[in-house]
Amino acid sequence: MDFKISDANVVMRTTNQVCCDVAGESIILNLKSGIYYSLDEVGARIWALIEQPMAIAAIRDAILDEYDVEAEICERDVRIFIEGMDAAGLIEVKNGAAVR
C-alpha cells in the first residue's frame, strides 16, 4: 500500500484467495503463498462485508452498528485488520476516488 489508510479508501478481496466458513469462523487460503488464515467472528464479518468493494468508513460503521465496541477501538481495530490482510496479500486497498 503506497498511501496512508483513510476512511475513503475502498477495500476488496483479491482473487489470490479462496475461503470457506467453518463453525462461525472464516478460513482463507492464500493461493500464492499457500498459507491458511483463520478469522474470528468479527474478522469473518469484515471479510463478509468486503465480498464486494467497500469503503473503510462503511466497514467501521457496520461493525459499530453490530457490535458493542467503543468508536476509537473499532476504528483502530478495523485499520489493523485491513493493514494485516493487505500485508498478507488477501485484499486490495484503493483510493476511493480511483474505484468506480
Protein backbone atom coordinates (compact mmCIF):
# COMPACT_ATOMS: atom_id res chain seq x y z
CA MET A 1 0.00 0.00 0.00
CA ASP A 2 1.55 3.30 -1.07
CA PHE A 3 -0.64 5.65 0.94
CA LYS A 4 -1.99 6.12 4.43
CA ILE A 5 -5.29 4.37 5.06
CA SER A 6 -8.21 6.78 5.22
CA ASP A 7 -11.95 6.40 5.65
CA ALA A 8 -12.41 6.99 1.92
CA ASN A 9 -10.20 4.06 0.89
CA VAL A 10 -12.04 1.11 -0.61
CA VAL A 11 -11.21 -2.45 0.37
CA MET A 12 -11.81 -5.52 -1.77
CA ARG A 13 -10.76 -9.16 -1.70
CA THR A 14 -8.07 -10.26 -4.13
CA THR A 15 -8.58 -13.15 -6.49
CA ASN A 16 -5.50 -14.82 -4.98
CA GLN A 17 -7.50 -16.49 -2.24
CA VAL A 18 -10.29 -18.94 -1.53
CA CYS A 19 -12.31 -19.05 1.64
CA CYS A 20 -14.94 -21.06 3.47
CA ASP A 21 -16.90 -20.77 6.69
CA VAL A 22 -16.31 -23.35 9.42
CA ALA A 23 -18.25 -23.14 12.70
CA GLY A 24 -18.60 -19.34 12.61
CA GLU A 25 -15.04 -18.69 11.50
CA SER A 26 -13.74 -17.88 8.05
CA ILE A 27 -10.80 -19.92 6.81
CA ILE A 28 -8.85 -18.30 3.98
CA LEU A 29 -6.15 -19.85 1.81
CA ASN A 30 -3.71 -17.51 0.10
CA LEU A 31 -3.23 -19.24 -3.25
CA LYS A 32 0.15 -17.59 -3.88
CA SER A 33 1.80 -18.37 -0.54
CA GLY A 34 -0.13 -21.49 0.46
CA ILE A 35 -0.73 -20.00 3.91
CA TYR A 36 -4.07 -20.51 5.68
CA TYR A 37 -5.67 -17.80 7.82
CA SER A 38 -8.44 -18.21 10.37
CA LEU A 39 -10.69 -15.26 11.23
CA ASP A 40 -12.70 -14.90 14.41
CA GLU A 41 -16.31 -13.71 14.41
CA VAL A 42 -15.55 -10.02 13.88
CA GLY A 43 -12.84 -10.70 11.31
CA ALA A 44 -15.23 -13.04 9.49
CA ARG A 45 -17.87 -10.29 9.49
CA ILE A 46 -15.43 -7.80 7.96
CA TRP A 47 -14.43 -10.45 5.42
CA ALA A 48 -18.10 -10.93 4.51
CA LEU A 49 -18.58 -7.16 4.18
CA ILE A 50 -15.72 -6.87 1.69
CA GLU A 51 -17.03 -9.57 -0.61
CA GLN A 52 -17.88 -6.51 -2.69
CA PRO A 53 -15.68 -3.36 -2.63
CA MET A 54 -16.48 -1.29 0.45
CA ALA A 55 -15.15 1.95 1.93
CA ILE A 56 -13.30 1.63 5.22
CA ALA A 57 -15.72 4.12 6.80
CA ALA A 58 -18.65 1.86 5.84
CA ILE A 59 -16.88 -1.19 7.29
CA ARG A 60 -16.23 0.68 10.54
CA ASP A 61 -19.83 1.90 10.72
CA ALA A 62 -21.21 -1.61 10.13
CA ILE A 63 -19.05 -3.05 12.92
CA LEU A 64 -20.07 -0.20 15.25
CA ASP A 65 -23.75 -0.93 14.50
CA GLU A 66 -23.42 -4.68 15.01
CA TYR A 67 -21.06 -4.95 18.00
CA ASP A 68 -20.78 -3.32 21.39
CA VAL A 69 -17.47 -1.53 20.92
CA GLU A 70 -16.19 1.99 21.50
CA ALA A 71 -15.73 4.04 18.33
CA GLU A 72 -11.99 4.66 18.85
CA ILE A 73 -11.27 0.99 19.50
CA CYS A 74 -13.35 -0.05 16.49
CA GLU A 75 -11.57 2.45 14.24
CA ARG A 76 -8.15 1.22 15.38
CA ASP A 77 -9.02 -2.48 15.14
CA VAL A 78 -10.59 -2.19 11.67
CA ARG A 79 -7.47 -0.41 10.40
CA ILE A 80 -5.16 -3.01 11.99
CA PHE A 81 -7.23 -5.79 10.39
CA ILE A 82 -7.15 -4.08 6.97
CA GLU A 83 -3.39 -3.49 7.19
CA GLY A 84 -2.77 -7.12 8.16
CA MET A 85 -4.94 -8.52 5.38
CA ASP A 86 -3.25 -6.20 2.88
CA ALA A 87 0.21 -7.27 4.06
CA ALA A 88 -0.88 -10.92 3.67
CA GLY A 89 -1.94 -10.22 0.07
CA LEU A 90 -5.58 -11.16 0.69
CA ILE A 91 -7.12 -7.75 -0.06
CA GLU A 92 -6.50 -4.65 -2.09
CA VAL A 93 -6.84 -1.18 -0.59
CA LYS A 94 -7.52 1.51 -3.16
CA ASN A 95 -8.04 5.23 -3.10
CA GLY A 96 -11.82 5.69 -3.03
CA ALA A 97 -11.68 8.16 -5.93
CA ALA A 98 -9.96 5.52 -8.10
CA VAL A 99 -12.70 2.91 -7.66
CA ARG A 100 -15.94 3.21 -9.58
